[in-house]
PDB file of N, CA and C in Angstrom:
ATOM      1  N   MET A   1      -5.036  33.652   3.644  1.00  0.00           N
ATOM      2  CA  MET A   1      -3.737  33.139   3.268  1.00  0.00           C
ATOM      3  C   MET A   1      -3.534  33.318   1.777  1.00  0.00           C
ATOM      4  N   SER A   2      -2.293  33.421   1.416  1.00  0.00           N
ATOM      5  CA  SER A   2      -1.999  33.666   0.017  1.00  0.00           C
ATOM      6  C   SER A   2      -0.867  32.760  -0.453  1.00  0.00           C
ATOM      7  N   LEU A   3      -1.020  32.289  -1.666  1.00  0.00           N
ATOM      8  CA  LEU A   3       0.024  31.505  -2.313  1.00  0.00           C
ATOM      9  C   LEU A   3       0.128  32.047  -3.731  1.00  0.00           C
ATOM     10  N   ASN A   4       1.262  32.591  -4.064  1.00  0.00           N
ATOM     11  CA  ASN A   4       1.443  33.227  -5.362  1.00  0.00           C
ATOM     12  C   ASN A   4       2.326  32.338  -6.227  1.00  0.00           C
ATOM     13  N   ILE A   5       1.702  31.680  -7.193  1.00  0.00           N
ATOM     14  CA  ILE A   5       2.431  30.768  -8.079  1.00  0.00           C
ATOM     15  C   ILE A   5       2.638  31.463  -9.416  1.00  0.00           C
ATOM     16  N   LYS A   6       3.876  31.606  -9.804  1.00  0.00           N
ATOM     17  CA  LYS A   6       4.207  32.298 -11.051  1.00  0.00           C
ATOM     18  C   LYS A   6       4.716  31.296 -12.087  1.00  0.00           C
ATOM     19  N   ASN A   7       3.942  30.271 -12.291  1.00  0.00           N
ATOM     20  CA  ASN A   7       4.324  29.232 -13.241  1.00  0.00           C
ATOM     21  C   ASN A   7       3.076  28.897 -14.055  1.00  0.00           C
ATOM     22  N   GLN A   8       3.103  29.207 -15.335  1.00  0.00           N
ATOM     23  CA  GLN A   8       1.916  29.025 -16.173  1.00  0.00           C
ATOM     24  C   GLN A   8       1.498  27.559 -16.262  1.00  0.00           C
ATOM     25  N   ARG A   9       2.459  26.676 -16.320  1.00  0.00           N
ATOM     26  CA  ARG A   9       2.127  25.244 -16.392  1.00  0.00           C
ATOM     27  C   ARG A   9       1.375  24.804 -15.152  1.00  0.00           C
ATOM     28  N   VAL A  10       1.788  25.259 -13.992  1.00  0.00           N
ATOM     29  CA  VAL A  10       1.096  24.909 -12.746  1.00  0.00           C
ATOM     30  C   VAL A  10      -0.322  25.475 -12.765  1.00  0.00           C
ATOM     31  N   HIS A  11      -0.482  26.698 -13.236  1.00  0.00           N
ATOM     32  CA  HIS A  11      -1.823  27.280 -13.350  1.00  0.00           C
ATOM     33  C   HIS A  11      -2.686  26.455 -14.303  1.00  0.00           C
ATOM     34  N   ASP A  12      -2.115  26.061 -15.432  1.00  0.00           N
ATOM     35  CA  ASP A  12      -2.858  25.251 -16.403  1.00  0.00           C
ATOM     36  C   ASP A  12      -3.251  23.900 -15.813  1.00  0.00           C
ATOM     37  N   LEU A  13      -2.322  23.274 -15.106  1.00  0.00           N
ATOM     38  CA  LEU A  13      -2.624  21.986 -14.469  1.00  0.00           C
ATOM     39  C   LEU A  13      -3.723  22.139 -13.421  1.00  0.00           C
ATOM     40  N   ALA A  14      -3.647  23.183 -12.627  1.00  0.00           N
ATOM     41  CA  ALA A  14      -4.663  23.422 -11.595  1.00  0.00           C
ATOM     42  C   ALA A  14      -6.029  23.652 -12.233  1.00  0.00           C
ATOM     43  N   ARG A  15      -6.057  24.430 -13.306  1.00  0.00           N
ATOM     44  CA  ARG A  15      -7.318  24.703 -14.003  1.00  0.00           C
ATOM     45  C   ARG A  15      -7.910  23.407 -14.570  1.00  0.00           C
ATOM     46  N   GLU A  16      -7.060  22.586 -15.195  1.00  0.00           N
ATOM     47  CA  GLU A  16      -7.534  21.325 -15.780  1.00  0.00           C
ATOM     48  C   GLU A  16      -8.009  20.360 -14.697  1.00  0.00           C
ATOM     49  N   ALA A  17      -7.271  20.273 -13.603  1.00  0.00           N
ATOM     50  CA  ALA A  17      -7.684  19.394 -12.501  1.00  0.00           C
ATOM     51  C   ALA A  17      -9.016  19.853 -11.925  1.00  0.00           C
ATOM     52  N   ALA A  18      -9.189  21.148 -11.772  1.00  0.00           N
ATOM     53  CA  ALA A  18     -10.450  21.680 -11.254  1.00  0.00           C
ATOM     54  C   ALA A  18     -11.594  21.393 -12.222  1.00  0.00           C
ATOM     55  N   ARG A  19     -11.342  21.570 -13.505  1.00  0.00           N
ATOM     56  CA  ARG A  19     -12.386  21.309 -14.511  1.00  0.00           C
ATOM     57  C   ARG A  19     -12.815  19.846 -14.476  1.00  0.00           C
ATOM     58  N   ARG A  20     -11.827  18.944 -14.452  1.00  0.00           N
ATOM     59  CA  ARG A  20     -12.144  17.510 -14.486  1.00  0.00           C
ATOM     60  C   ARG A  20     -12.840  17.024 -13.223  1.00  0.00           C
ATOM     61  N   THR A  21     -12.506  17.611 -12.102  1.00  0.00           N
ATOM     62  CA  THR A  21     -13.091  17.155 -10.833  1.00  0.00           C
ATOM     63  C   THR A  21     -14.317  17.954 -10.433  1.00  0.00           C
ATOM     64  N   GLY A  22     -14.579  19.047 -11.143  1.00  0.00           N
ATOM     65  CA  GLY A  22     -15.736  19.873 -10.812  1.00  0.00           C
ATOM     66  C   GLY A  22     -15.554  20.627  -9.503  1.00  0.00           C
ATOM     67  N   THR A  23     -14.314  20.933  -9.171  1.00  0.00           N
ATOM     68  CA  THR A  23     -14.028  21.660  -7.935  1.00  0.00           C
ATOM     69  C   THR A  23     -13.318  22.966  -8.270  1.00  0.00           C
ATOM     70  N   THR A  24     -12.939  23.668  -7.233  1.00  0.00           N
ATOM     71  CA  THR A  24     -12.150  24.875  -7.428  1.00  0.00           C
ATOM     72  C   THR A  24     -10.692  24.491  -7.626  1.00  0.00           C
ATOM     73  N   LYS A  25      -9.901  25.435  -8.124  1.00  0.00           N
ATOM     74  CA  LYS A  25      -8.471  25.177  -8.264  1.00  0.00           C
ATOM     75  C   LYS A  25      -7.850  24.901  -6.896  1.00  0.00           C
ATOM     76  N   THR A  26      -8.295  25.636  -5.890  1.00  0.00           N
ATOM     77  CA  THR A  26      -7.761  25.425  -4.539  1.00  0.00           C
ATOM     78  C   THR A  26      -8.047  24.007  -4.061  1.00  0.00           C
ATOM     79  N   SER A  27      -9.276  23.536  -4.264  1.00  0.00           N
ATOM     80  CA  SER A  27      -9.635  22.171  -3.844  1.00  0.00           C
ATOM     81  C   SER A  27      -8.857  21.128  -4.626  1.00  0.00           C
ATOM     82  N   ALA A  28      -8.683  21.369  -5.914  1.00  0.00           N
ATOM     83  CA  ALA A  28      -7.932  20.420  -6.738  1.00  0.00           C
ATOM     84  C   ALA A  28      -6.476  20.350  -6.288  1.00  0.00           C
ATOM     85  N   ILE A  29      -5.887  21.500  -5.992  1.00  0.00           N
ATOM     86  CA  ILE A  29      -4.496  21.524  -5.522  1.00  0.00           C
ATOM     87  C   ILE A  29      -4.390  20.870  -4.152  1.00  0.00           C
ATOM     88  N   GLU A  30      -5.351  21.130  -3.282  1.00  0.00           N
ATOM     89  CA  GLU A  30      -5.340  20.513  -1.949  1.00  0.00           C
ATOM     90  C   GLU A  30      -5.397  18.989  -2.061  1.00  0.00           C
ATOM     91  N   ALA A  31      -6.304  18.485  -2.900  1.00  0.00           N
ATOM     92  CA  ALA A  31      -6.425  17.034  -3.074  1.00  0.00           C
ATOM     93  C   ALA A  31      -5.139  16.451  -3.656  1.00  0.00           C
ATOM     94  N   ALA A  32      -4.558  17.151  -4.619  1.00  0.00           N
ATOM     95  CA  ALA A  32      -3.321  16.664  -5.237  1.00  0.00           C
ATOM     96  C   ALA A  32      -2.187  16.622  -4.223  1.00  0.00           C
ATOM     97  N   LEU A  33      -2.078  17.646  -3.399  1.00  0.00           N
ATOM     98  CA  LEU A  33      -1.016  17.667  -2.387  1.00  0.00           C
ATOM     99  C   LEU A  33      -1.241  16.604  -1.319  1.00  0.00           C
ATOM    100  N   ASP A  34      -2.509  16.399  -0.920  1.00  0.00           N
ATOM    101  CA  ASP A  34      -2.814  15.320   0.034  1.00  0.00           C
ATOM    102  C   ASP A  34      -2.370  13.977  -0.531  1.00  0.00           C
ATOM    103  N   GLN A  35      -2.711  13.739  -1.782  1.00  0.00           N
ATOM    104  CA  GLN A  35      -2.347  12.476  -2.429  1.00  0.00           C
ATOM    105  C   GLN A  35      -0.828  12.351  -2.565  1.00  0.00           C
ATOM    106  N   TYR A  36      -0.174  13.417  -2.909  1.00  0.00           N
ATOM    107  CA  TYR A  36       1.283  13.418  -3.055  1.00  0.00           C
ATOM    108  C   TYR A  36       1.958  13.096  -1.722  1.00  0.00           C
ATOM    109  N   LEU A  37       1.509  13.751  -0.652  1.00  0.00           N
ATOM    110  CA  LEU A  37       2.103  13.508   0.666  1.00  0.00           C
ATOM    111  C   LEU A  37       1.824  12.088   1.149  1.00  0.00           C
ATOM    112  N   ALA A  38       0.637  11.571   0.865  1.00  0.00           N
ATOM    113  CA  ALA A  38       0.326  10.185   1.238  1.00  0.00           C
ATOM    114  C   ALA A  38       1.256   9.226   0.507  1.00  0.00           C
ATOM    115  N   GLY A  39       1.561   9.533  -0.736  1.00  0.00           N
ATOM    116  CA  GLY A  39       2.485   8.702  -1.500  1.00  0.00           C
ATOM    117  C   GLY A  39       3.885   8.719  -0.920  1.00  0.00           C
ATOM    118  N   LEU A  40       4.288   9.860  -0.390  1.00  0.00           N
ATOM    119  CA  LEU A  40       5.603   9.946   0.243  1.00  0.00           C
ATOM    120  C   LEU A  40       5.667   9.093   1.502  1.00  0.00           C
ATOM    121  N   ASP A  41       4.534   8.990   2.207  1.00  0.00           N
ATOM    122  CA  ASP A  41       4.482   8.195   3.432  1.00  0.00           C
ATOM    123  C   ASP A  41       4.306   6.710   3.151  1.00  0.00           C
ATOM    124  N   ALA A  42       3.894   6.355   1.941  1.00  0.00           N
ATOM    125  CA  ALA A  42       3.577   4.962   1.622  1.00  0.00           C
ATOM    126  C   ALA A  42       4.725   4.000   1.895  1.00  0.00           C
ATOM    127  N   PRO A  43       5.962   4.296   1.490  1.00  0.00           N
ATOM    128  CA  PRO A  43       7.041   3.337   1.780  1.00  0.00           C
ATOM    129  C   PRO A  43       7.235   3.093   3.275  1.00  0.00           C
ATOM    130  N   ALA A  44       7.130   4.136   4.078  1.00  0.00           N
ATOM    131  CA  ALA A  44       7.288   3.968   5.526  1.00  0.00           C
ATOM    132  C   ALA A  44       6.145   3.135   6.091  1.00  0.00           C
ATOM    133  N   ALA A  45       4.922   3.408   5.636  1.00  0.00           N
ATOM    134  CA  ALA A  45       3.767   2.647   6.112  1.00  0.00           C
ATOM    135  C   ALA A  45       3.877   1.190   5.679  1.00  0.00           C
ATOM    136  N   ARG A  46       4.331   0.971   4.458  1.00  0.00           N
ATOM    137  CA  ARG A  46       4.498  -0.388   3.952  1.00  0.00           C
ATOM    138  C   ARG A  46       5.535  -1.138   4.790  1.00  0.00           C
ATOM    139  N   GLU A  47       6.619  -0.462   5.134  1.00  0.00           N
ATOM    140  CA  GLU A  47       7.660  -1.088   5.952  1.00  0.00           C
ATOM    141  C   GLU A  47       7.144  -1.397   7.354  1.00  0.00           C
ATOM    142  N   GLN A  48       6.319  -0.517   7.910  1.00  0.00           N
ATOM    143  CA  GLN A  48       5.734  -0.773   9.229  1.00  0.00           C
ATOM    144  C   GLN A  48       4.818  -1.993   9.179  1.00  0.00           C
ATOM    145  N   ARG A  49       3.999  -2.095   8.133  1.00  0.00           N
ATOM    146  CA  ARG A  49       3.116  -3.265   7.996  1.00  0.00           C
ATOM    147  C   ARG A  49       3.937  -4.531   7.843  1.00  0.00           C
ATOM    148  N   ARG A  50       4.995  -4.473   7.034  1.00  0.00           N
ATOM    149  CA  ARG A  50       5.852  -5.638   6.840  1.00  0.00           C
ATOM    150  C   ARG A  50       6.466  -6.068   8.169  1.00  0.00           C
ATOM    151  N   ALA A  51       6.922  -5.121   8.960  1.00  0.00           N
ATOM    152  CA  ALA A  51       7.530  -5.439  10.258  1.00  0.00           C
ATOM    153  C   ALA A  51       6.507  -6.089  11.186  1.00  0.00           C
ATOM    154  N   ARG A  52       5.261  -5.592  11.168  1.00  0.00           N
ATOM    155  CA  ARG A  52       4.216  -6.197  12.016  1.00  0.00           C
ATOM    156  C   ARG A  52       3.912  -7.621  11.571  1.00  0.00           C
ATOM    157  N   VAL A  53       3.822  -7.832  10.263  1.00  0.00           N
ATOM    158  CA  VAL A  53       3.554  -9.179   9.743  1.00  0.00           C
ATOM    159  C   VAL A  53       4.688 -10.121  10.117  1.00  0.00           C
ATOM    160  N   GLU A  54       5.919  -9.663   9.963  1.00  0.00           N
ATOM    161  CA  GLU A  54       7.060 -10.507  10.317  1.00  0.00           C
ATOM    162  C   GLU A  54       7.058 -10.840  11.805  1.00  0.00           C
ATOM    163  N   ALA A  55       6.651  -9.894  12.645  1.00  0.00           N
ATOM    164  CA  ALA A  55       6.578 -10.151  14.087  1.00  0.00           C
ATOM    165  C   ALA A  55       5.517 -11.205  14.393  1.00  0.00           C
ATOM    166  N   VAL A  56       4.373 -11.113  13.722  1.00  0.00           N
ATOM    167  CA  VAL A  56       3.310 -12.107  13.929  1.00  0.00           C
ATOM    168  C   VAL A  56       3.784 -13.483  13.466  1.00  0.00           C
ATOM    169  N   LEU A  57       4.420 -13.532  12.300  1.00  0.00           N
ATOM    170  CA  LEU A  57       4.915 -14.817  11.794  1.00  0.00           C
ATOM    171  C   LEU A  57       5.976 -15.410  12.718  1.00  0.00           C
ATOM    172  N   ALA A  58       6.833 -14.576  13.267  1.00  0.00           N
ATOM    173  CA  ALA A  58       7.851 -15.064  14.205  1.00  0.00           C
ATOM    174  C   ALA A  58       7.191 -15.615  15.463  1.00  0.00           C
ATOM    175  N   ASP A  59       6.134 -14.945  15.921  1.00  0.00           N
ATOM    176  CA  ASP A  59       5.413 -15.417  17.102  1.00  0.00           C
ATOM    177  C   ASP A  59       4.749 -16.764  16.828  1.00  0.00           C
ATOM    178  N   ILE A  60       4.141 -16.901  15.660  1.00  0.00           N
ATOM    179  CA  ILE A  60       3.524 -18.178  15.286  1.00  0.00           C
ATOM    180  C   ILE A  60       4.584 -19.266  15.223  1.00  0.00           C
ATOM    181  N   ASP A  61       5.716 -18.948  14.624  1.00  0.00           N
ATOM    182  CA  ASP A  61       6.798 -19.922  14.501  1.00  0.00           C
ATOM    183  C   ASP A  61       7.260 -20.413  15.872  1.00  0.00           C
ATOM    184  N   LEU A  62       7.333 -19.507  16.835  1.00  0.00           N
ATOM    185  CA  LEU A  62       7.748 -19.896  18.189  1.00  0.00           C
ATOM    186  C   LEU A  62       6.745 -20.846  18.843  1.00  0.00           C
ATOM    187  N   ARG A  63       5.477 -20.688  18.504  1.00  0.00           N
ATOM    188  CA  ARG A  63       4.421 -21.478  19.144  1.00  0.00           C
ATOM    189  C   ARG A  63       4.206 -22.848  18.495  1.00  0.00           C
ATOM    190  N   LEU A  64       4.707 -23.038  17.276  1.00  0.00           N
ATOM    191  CA  LEU A  64       4.494 -24.310  16.585  1.00  0.00           C
ATOM    192  C   LEU A  64       5.477 -25.367  17.080  1.00  0.00           C
ATOM    193  N   SER A  65       4.932 -26.536  17.332  1.00  0.00           N
ATOM    194  CA  SER A  65       5.804 -27.665  17.682  1.00  0.00           C
ATOM    195  C   SER A  65       6.273 -28.328  16.387  1.00  0.00           C
ATOM    196  N   ASP A  66       7.227 -29.238  16.508  1.00  0.00           N
ATOM    197  CA  ASP A  66       7.684 -29.980  15.327  1.00  0.00           C
ATOM    198  C   ASP A  66       6.536 -30.775  14.715  1.00  0.00           C
ATOM    199  N   ALA A  67       5.668 -31.321  15.569  1.00  0.00           N
ATOM    200  CA  ALA A  67       4.510 -32.075  15.075  1.00  0.00           C
ATOM    201  C   ALA A  67       3.558 -31.155  14.305  1.00  0.00           C
ATOM    202  N   ASP A  68       3.368 -29.930  14.814  1.00  0.00           N
ATOM    203  CA  ASP A  68       2.517 -28.961  14.109  1.00  0.00           C
ATOM    204  C   ASP A  68       3.087 -28.635  12.734  1.00  0.00           C
ATOM    205  N   ARG A  69       4.388 -28.435  12.675  1.00  0.00           N
ATOM    206  CA  ARG A  69       5.035 -28.119  11.398  1.00  0.00           C
ATOM    207  C   ARG A  69       4.887 -29.272  10.407  1.00  0.00           C
ATOM    208  N   ALA A  70       5.068 -30.493  10.896  1.00  0.00           N
ATOM    209  CA  ALA A  70       4.932 -31.668  10.027  1.00  0.00           C
ATOM    210  C   ALA A  70       3.499 -31.777   9.507  1.00  0.00           C
ATOM    211  N   ALA A  71       2.533 -31.526  10.373  1.00  0.00           N
ATOM    212  CA  ALA A  71       1.128 -31.592   9.958  1.00  0.00           C
ATOM    213  C   ALA A  71       0.831 -30.515   8.910  1.00  0.00           C
ATOM    214  N   LEU A  72       1.357 -29.326   9.108  1.00  0.00           N
ATOM    215  CA  LEU A  72       1.156 -28.259   8.124  1.00  0.00           C
ATOM    216  C   LEU A  72       1.764 -28.622   6.776  1.00  0.00           C
ATOM    217  N   ARG A  73       2.962 -29.197   6.806  1.00  0.00           N
ATOM    218  CA  ARG A  73       3.604 -29.604   5.550  1.00  0.00           C
ATOM    219  C   ARG A  73       2.759 -30.643   4.826  1.00  0.00           C
ATOM    220  N   ARG A  74       2.254 -31.627   5.577  1.00  0.00           N
ATOM    221  CA  ARG A  74       1.402 -32.664   4.962  1.00  0.00           C
ATOM    222  C   ARG A  74       0.157 -32.031   4.351  1.00  0.00           C
ATOM    223  N   ASP A  75      -0.467 -31.127   5.103  1.00  0.00           N
ATOM    224  CA  ASP A  75      -1.679 -30.486   4.600  1.00  0.00           C
ATOM    225  C   ASP A  75      -1.392 -29.672   3.338  1.00  0.00           C
ATOM    226  N   LEU A  76      -0.284 -28.968   3.330  1.00  0.00           N
ATOM    227  CA  LEU A  76       0.075 -28.181   2.147  1.00  0.00           C
ATOM    228  C   LEU A  76       0.388 -29.077   0.957  1.00  0.00           C
ATOM    229  N   GLU A  77       1.060 -30.194   1.206  1.00  0.00           N
ATOM    230  CA  GLU A  77       1.375 -31.126   0.119  1.00  0.00           C
ATOM    231  C   GLU A  77       0.112 -31.699  -0.495  1.00  0.00           C
ATOM    232  N   ASP A  78      -0.932 -31.882   0.316  1.00  0.00           N
ATOM    233  CA  ASP A  78      -2.195 -32.417  -0.193  1.00  0.00           C
ATOM    234  C   ASP A  78      -2.918 -31.415  -1.094  1.00  0.00           C
ATOM    235  N   LEU A  79      -2.573 -30.151  -0.985  1.00  0.00           N
ATOM    236  CA  LEU A  79      -3.247 -29.124  -1.777  1.00  0.00           C
ATOM    237  C   LEU A  79      -2.758 -29.062  -3.222  1.00  0.00           C
ATOM    238  N   TYR A  80      -1.561 -29.600  -3.491  1.00  0.00           N
ATOM    239  CA  TYR A  80      -0.950 -29.467  -4.813  1.00  0.00           C
ATOM    240  C   TYR A  80      -0.498 -30.818  -5.349  1.00  0.00           C
ATOM    241  N   ASP A  81      -0.548 -30.954  -6.675  1.00  0.00           N
ATOM    242  CA  ASP A  81      -0.078 -32.193  -7.291  1.00  0.00           C
ATOM    243  C   ASP A  81       1.431 -32.122  -7.538  1.00  0.00           C
ATOM    244  N   ASP A  82       1.964 -33.125  -8.247  1.00  0.00           N
ATOM    245  CA  ASP A  82       3.408 -33.193  -8.487  1.00  0.00           C
ATOM    246  C   ASP A  82       3.939 -32.038  -9.343  1.00  0.00           C
ATOM    247  N   GLN A  83       3.053 -31.415 -10.121  1.00  0.00           N
ATOM    248  CA  GLN A  83       3.463 -30.285 -10.956  1.00  0.00           C
ATOM    249  C   GLN A  83       3.259 -28.944 -10.248  1.00  0.00           C
ATOM    250  N   GLY A  84       2.807 -28.993  -9.005  1.00  0.00           N
ATOM    251  CA  GLY A  84       2.592 -27.763  -8.244  1.00  0.00           C
ATOM    252  C   GLY A  84       1.257 -27.099  -8.500  1.00  0.00           C
ATOM    253  N   LEU A  85       0.356 -27.826  -9.159  1.00  0.00           N
ATOM    254  CA  LEU A  85      -0.969 -27.284  -9.448  1.00  0.00           C
ATOM    255  C   LEU A  85      -1.943 -27.686  -8.348  1.00  0.00           C
ATOM    256  N   PRO A  86      -2.950 -26.860  -8.094  1.00  0.00           N
ATOM    257  CA  PRO A  86      -3.938 -27.206  -7.063  1.00  0.00           C
ATOM    258  C   PRO A  86      -4.654 -28.509  -7.405  1.00  0.00           C
ATOM    259  N   THR A  87      -4.924 -29.300  -6.377  1.00  0.00           N
ATOM    260  CA  THR A  87      -5.637 -30.566  -6.610  1.00  0.00           C
ATOM    261  C   THR A  87      -7.120 -30.384  -6.445  1.00  0.00           C
TER     262      THR A  87
END
């Protein structure tokens, strides 16, 4: 396979990345592209995790009785003083 890059800055960056990582330019570019693509997917993955957490919290909320909620509030209030600092 061939990739012909006619940009001196890109060549310089690839050379520097390879030097710093002790790899070939091809390996350095591959790692950089993997990292770049993972970064592009990060917002979608973050949103999926948020949706799963919200679903779990909604399920917990459905299962709690009013007495459970009151007990949780009391327990949380015992953890902090009047200024909101841990006791």
